[in-house]
Amino acid sequence: MKINLETQTVEKLQKITGIMPYDFLGFTLDLKESELTDTLDKLSRDIDLGLIQTIDTLLIHYSEAKLAPLSGKLVKFKDLPGGYAYEGAFIKRAIQPVEHVF
């Protein structure tokens, strides 16, 4: 499926990842083609606009991240600075919409 990422976002993501395409939330993102492919279920299934917008928003925020080496460790949102107060909202807004797809 095609996604509409702004050129600036694509360039930032390429700088951060250093690789193309790359895996993101169970999808493969090809920044050169602006294409998102489901890596978990190779069947062509309908993905609603809400999910596409959610992924687009996550990628935009990800593109603004500071460059740092990957640790390979999972971190709970509540363990981030200031994350404890926002964890419930984060689960409702970021995790549950994606969770329904799986």
N, C-alpha and C. Protein backbone atom coordinates (compact mmCIF):
# COMPACT_ATOMS: atom_id res chain seq x y z
N MET A 1 0.84 -1.16 0.00
CA MET A 1 0.00 0.00 0.00
C MET A 1 0.89 1.22 0.00
N LYS A 2 0.49 2.23 -0.71
CA LYS A 2 1.24 3.48 -0.76
C LYS A 2 0.86 4.35 0.43
N ILE A 3 1.84 5.03 0.98
CA ILE A 3 1.58 6.00 2.04
C ILE A 3 2.14 7.34 1.58
N ASN A 4 1.60 8.39 2.11
CA ASN A 4 2.01 9.72 1.68
C ASN A 4 2.84 10.39 2.76
N LEU A 5 4.12 10.15 2.74
CA LEU A 5 5.03 10.80 3.67
C LEU A 5 5.66 11.99 2.97
N GLU A 6 5.79 13.09 3.69
CA GLU A 6 6.44 14.26 3.13
C GLU A 6 7.92 13.96 2.88
N THR A 7 8.48 14.59 1.86
CA THR A 7 9.88 14.38 1.50
C THR A 7 10.81 14.59 2.68
N GLN A 8 10.56 15.63 3.47
CA GLN A 8 11.40 15.93 4.63
C GLN A 8 11.36 14.78 5.64
N THR A 9 10.19 14.20 5.86
CA THR A 9 10.06 13.07 6.79
C THR A 9 10.83 11.87 6.27
N VAL A 10 10.70 11.58 4.97
CA VAL A 10 11.41 10.46 4.36
C VAL A 10 12.92 10.64 4.51
N GLU A 11 13.41 11.85 4.24
CA GLU A 11 14.84 12.11 4.35
C GLU A 11 15.34 11.92 5.79
N LYS A 12 14.55 12.37 6.76
CA LYS A 12 14.94 12.21 8.16
C LYS A 12 14.95 10.73 8.55
N LEU A 13 13.94 9.98 8.09
CA LEU A 13 13.88 8.55 8.41
C LEU A 13 15.06 7.81 7.78
N GLN A 14 15.43 8.19 6.55
CA GLN A 14 16.57 7.56 5.90
C GLN A 14 17.85 7.83 6.69
N LYS A 15 17.97 9.04 7.21
CA LYS A 15 19.15 9.41 7.99
C LYS A 15 19.21 8.61 9.29
N ILE A 16 18.06 8.43 9.93
CA ILE A 16 18.00 7.70 11.20
C ILE A 16 18.27 6.21 11.00
N THR A 17 17.59 5.61 10.03
CA THR A 17 17.68 4.15 9.87
C THR A 17 18.93 3.73 9.14
N GLY A 18 19.35 4.52 8.17
CA GLY A 18 20.53 4.18 7.40
C GLY A 18 20.31 3.01 6.45
N ILE A 19 19.13 2.43 6.47
CA ILE A 19 18.83 1.30 5.59
C ILE A 19 17.47 1.51 4.94
N MET A 20 17.31 0.91 3.78
CA MET A 20 16.02 0.94 3.09
C MET A 20 15.83 -0.42 2.45
N PRO A 21 14.75 -1.03 2.49
CA PRO A 21 13.61 -0.78 3.39
C PRO A 21 13.93 -1.28 4.80
N TYR A 22 13.06 -0.96 5.74
CA TYR A 22 13.27 -1.44 7.10
C TYR A 22 11.95 -1.84 7.74
N ASP A 23 12.05 -2.67 8.78
CA ASP A 23 10.86 -3.18 9.46
C ASP A 23 10.38 -2.17 10.50
N PHE A 24 9.05 -2.02 10.57
CA PHE A 24 8.44 -1.08 11.50
C PHE A 24 7.07 -1.61 11.87
N LEU A 25 6.87 -2.00 13.12
CA LEU A 25 5.58 -2.46 13.64
C LEU A 25 4.95 -3.58 12.81
N GLY A 26 5.74 -4.53 12.38
CA GLY A 26 5.20 -5.65 11.61
C GLY A 26 4.99 -5.34 10.14
N PHE A 27 5.49 -4.20 9.71
CA PHE A 27 5.41 -3.82 8.31
C PHE A 27 6.83 -3.58 7.81
N THR A 28 7.01 -3.67 6.50
CA THR A 28 8.26 -3.25 5.90
C THR A 28 8.00 -1.93 5.21
N LEU A 29 8.79 -0.94 5.55
CA LEU A 29 8.63 0.39 4.98
C LEU A 29 9.74 0.63 3.97
N ASP A 30 9.36 0.83 2.73
CA ASP A 30 10.29 1.16 1.67
C ASP A 30 10.20 2.67 1.46
N LEU A 31 11.18 3.40 1.97
CA LEU A 31 11.14 4.86 1.91
C LEU A 31 11.31 5.37 0.49
N LYS A 32 12.06 4.65 -0.33
CA LYS A 32 12.26 5.09 -1.72
C LYS A 32 10.95 5.10 -2.48
N GLU A 33 10.13 4.09 -2.26
CA GLU A 33 8.85 3.96 -2.97
C GLU A 33 7.67 4.48 -2.16
N SER A 34 7.90 4.88 -0.91
CA SER A 34 6.81 5.28 0.01
C SER A 34 5.76 4.19 0.07
N GLU A 35 6.23 2.97 0.26
CA GLU A 35 5.32 1.83 0.28
C GLU A 35 5.46 1.06 1.59
N LEU A 36 4.32 0.68 2.14
CA LEU A 36 4.25 -0.07 3.38
C LEU A 36 3.71 -1.45 3.07
N THR A 37 4.45 -2.51 3.42
CA THR A 37 4.04 -3.88 3.14
C THR A 37 3.90 -4.63 4.46
N ASP A 38 2.82 -5.37 4.59
CA ASP A 38 2.57 -6.18 5.78
C ASP A 38 3.52 -7.37 5.77
N THR A 39 4.41 -7.45 6.75
CA THR A 39 5.37 -8.56 6.79
C THR A 39 4.85 -9.75 7.57
N LEU A 40 3.78 -9.57 8.32
CA LEU A 40 3.23 -10.67 9.11
C LEU A 40 2.23 -11.50 8.31
N ASP A 41 1.50 -10.85 7.45
CA ASP A 41 0.44 -11.50 6.69
C ASP A 41 0.59 -11.05 5.24
N LYS A 42 1.29 -11.83 4.45
CA LYS A 42 1.60 -11.43 3.08
C LYS A 42 0.37 -11.33 2.18
N LEU A 43 -0.78 -11.66 2.71
CA LEU A 43 -2.00 -11.54 1.92
C LEU A 43 -2.38 -10.08 1.79
N SER A 44 -3.03 -9.76 0.70
CA SER A 44 -3.48 -8.37 0.57
C SER A 44 -4.79 -8.24 1.32
N ARG A 45 -4.75 -7.52 2.41
CA ARG A 45 -5.96 -7.33 3.19
C ARG A 45 -6.22 -5.84 3.29
N ASP A 46 -7.44 -5.52 3.55
CA ASP A 46 -7.80 -4.11 3.66
C ASP A 46 -7.31 -3.56 4.99
N ILE A 47 -6.58 -2.48 4.92
CA ILE A 47 -6.12 -1.79 6.11
C ILE A 47 -6.82 -0.44 6.10
N ASP A 48 -7.53 -0.15 7.17
CA ASP A 48 -8.34 1.06 7.17
C ASP A 48 -7.50 2.33 7.24
N LEU A 49 -8.11 3.41 6.84
CA LEU A 49 -7.45 4.71 6.78
C LEU A 49 -6.93 5.13 8.15
N GLY A 50 -7.66 4.80 9.21
CA GLY A 50 -7.24 5.17 10.56
C GLY A 50 -5.88 4.58 10.91
N LEU A 51 -5.66 3.31 10.52
CA LEU A 51 -4.38 2.67 10.80
C LEU A 51 -3.27 3.33 10.00
N ILE A 52 -3.54 3.63 8.75
CA ILE A 52 -2.54 4.30 7.92
C ILE A 52 -2.16 5.64 8.52
N GLN A 53 -3.16 6.39 8.99
CA GLN A 53 -2.89 7.69 9.61
C GLN A 53 -2.09 7.53 10.90
N THR A 54 -2.41 6.49 11.68
CA THR A 54 -1.67 6.23 12.92
C THR A 54 -0.21 5.93 12.62
N ILE A 55 0.03 5.06 11.65
CA ILE A 55 1.40 4.71 11.28
C ILE A 55 2.13 5.93 10.73
N ASP A 56 1.45 6.72 9.91
CA ASP A 56 2.03 7.94 9.36
C ASP A 56 2.46 8.89 10.49
N THR A 57 1.59 9.06 11.48
CA THR A 57 1.89 9.93 12.62
C THR A 57 3.08 9.41 13.41
N LEU A 58 3.12 8.10 13.65
CA LEU A 58 4.25 7.50 14.37
C LEU A 58 5.56 7.71 13.62
N LEU A 59 5.52 7.56 12.29
CA LEU A 59 6.73 7.75 11.49
C LEU A 59 7.20 9.20 11.52
N ILE A 60 6.25 10.14 11.50
CA ILE A 60 6.62 11.56 11.57
C ILE A 60 7.32 11.85 12.90
N HIS A 61 6.75 11.34 14.00
CA HIS A 61 7.38 11.54 15.31
C HIS A 61 8.73 10.83 15.38
N TYR A 62 8.80 9.65 14.82
CA TYR A 62 10.05 8.89 14.80
C TYR A 62 11.13 9.65 14.04
N SER A 63 10.73 10.33 12.96
CA SER A 63 11.70 11.06 12.15
C SER A 63 12.30 12.24 12.91
N GLU A 64 11.63 12.69 13.97
CA GLU A 64 12.12 13.81 14.77
C GLU A 64 13.02 13.35 15.92
N ALA A 65 13.24 12.05 16.04
CA ALA A 65 14.01 11.50 17.16
C ALA A 65 15.48 11.91 17.07
N LYS A 66 16.10 12.00 18.24
CA LYS A 66 17.54 12.25 18.29
C LYS A 66 18.26 10.97 17.90
N LEU A 67 19.34 11.10 17.16
CA LEU A 67 20.11 9.93 16.77
C LEU A 67 20.85 9.37 17.98
N ALA A 68 20.66 8.08 18.21
CA ALA A 68 21.33 7.38 19.30
C ALA A 68 21.44 5.92 18.91
N PRO A 69 22.48 5.24 19.37
CA PRO A 69 22.59 3.82 19.03
C PRO A 69 21.44 3.02 19.62
N LEU A 70 20.99 2.02 18.88
CA LEU A 70 19.92 1.15 19.37
C LEU A 70 20.46 0.27 20.48
N SER A 71 19.67 0.12 21.55
CA SER A 71 20.09 -0.72 22.67
C SER A 71 19.58 -2.15 22.52
N GLY A 72 18.51 -2.32 21.74
CA GLY A 72 17.92 -3.64 21.59
C GLY A 72 17.00 -4.01 22.74
N LYS A 73 16.79 -3.08 23.68
CA LYS A 73 15.95 -3.34 24.84
C LYS A 73 14.59 -2.68 24.67
N LEU A 74 13.54 -3.37 25.10
CA LEU A 74 12.21 -2.78 25.10
C LEU A 74 12.04 -1.95 26.36
N VAL A 75 11.42 -0.79 26.21
CA VAL A 75 11.22 0.11 27.34
C VAL A 75 9.73 0.40 27.44
N LYS A 76 9.18 0.28 28.63
CA LYS A 76 7.78 0.63 28.84
C LYS A 76 7.65 2.14 28.82
N PHE A 77 6.52 2.61 28.30
CA PHE A 77 6.29 4.04 28.22
C PHE A 77 6.40 4.69 29.60
N LYS A 78 5.89 4.02 30.63
CA LYS A 78 5.91 4.60 31.98
C LYS A 78 7.32 4.77 32.52
N ASP A 79 8.30 4.08 31.94
CA ASP A 79 9.69 4.20 32.39
C ASP A 79 10.43 5.37 31.74
N LEU A 80 9.80 6.00 30.76
CA LEU A 80 10.39 7.19 30.13
C LEU A 80 10.16 8.40 31.02
N PRO A 81 11.02 9.41 30.94
CA PRO A 81 10.80 10.61 31.75
C PRO A 81 9.42 11.22 31.46
N GLY A 82 8.61 11.36 32.49
CA GLY A 82 7.26 11.91 32.35
C GLY A 82 6.24 10.94 31.77
N GLY A 83 6.66 9.73 31.48
CA GLY A 83 5.78 8.76 30.83
C GLY A 83 4.74 8.13 31.74
N TYR A 84 5.01 8.08 33.02
CA TYR A 84 4.10 7.42 33.96
C TYR A 84 2.71 8.05 33.91
N ALA A 85 2.65 9.37 33.88
CA ALA A 85 1.35 10.07 33.89
C ALA A 85 0.60 9.90 32.58
N TYR A 86 1.31 9.62 31.50
CA TYR A 86 0.67 9.56 30.18
C TYR A 86 0.48 8.13 29.67
N GLU A 87 0.93 7.14 30.42
CA GLU A 87 0.91 5.76 29.92
C GLU A 87 -0.48 5.29 29.52
N GLY A 88 -1.51 5.58 30.32
CA GLY A 88 -2.87 5.15 29.98
C GLY A 88 -3.34 5.73 28.66
N ALA A 89 -3.10 7.01 28.46
CA ALA A 89 -3.48 7.66 27.20
C ALA A 89 -2.68 7.09 26.04
N PHE A 90 -1.40 6.81 26.27
CA PHE A 90 -0.55 6.23 25.23
C PHE A 90 -1.09 4.87 24.79
N ILE A 91 -1.48 4.06 25.75
CA ILE A 91 -2.03 2.74 25.42
C ILE A 91 -3.29 2.88 24.58
N LYS A 92 -4.17 3.79 24.97
CA LYS A 92 -5.43 3.98 24.23
C LYS A 92 -5.20 4.56 22.84
N ARG A 93 -4.26 5.49 22.71
CA ARG A 93 -4.09 6.20 21.44
C ARG A 93 -3.11 5.52 20.49
N ALA A 94 -2.10 4.82 21.01
CA ALA A 94 -1.07 4.26 20.14
C ALA A 94 -1.08 2.74 20.06
N ILE A 95 -1.33 2.08 21.16
CA ILE A 95 -1.24 0.61 21.17
C ILE A 95 -2.54 -0.04 20.73
N GLN A 96 -3.66 0.34 21.33
CA GLN A 96 -4.93 -0.32 21.03
C GLN A 96 -5.35 -0.18 19.56
N PRO A 97 -5.17 0.97 18.90
CA PRO A 97 -5.55 1.02 17.48
C PRO A 97 -4.75 0.05 16.62
N VAL A 98 -3.46 -0.11 16.92
CA VAL A 98 -2.63 -1.04 16.16
C VAL A 98 -2.94 -2.48 16.57
N GLU A 99 -3.24 -2.68 17.84
CA GLU A 99 -3.53 -4.01 18.39
C GLU A 99 -4.72 -4.67 17.68
N HIS A 100 -5.71 -3.88 17.29
CA HIS A 100 -6.91 -4.43 16.64
C HIS A 100 -6.59 -5.10 15.30
N VAL A 101 -5.52 -4.69 14.67
CA VAL A 101 -5.13 -5.27 13.39
C VAL A 101 -4.62 -6.69 13.57
N PHE A 102 -4.01 -6.96 14.70
CA PHE A 102 -3.42 -8.27 14.95
C PHE A 102 -4.33 -9.11 15.79
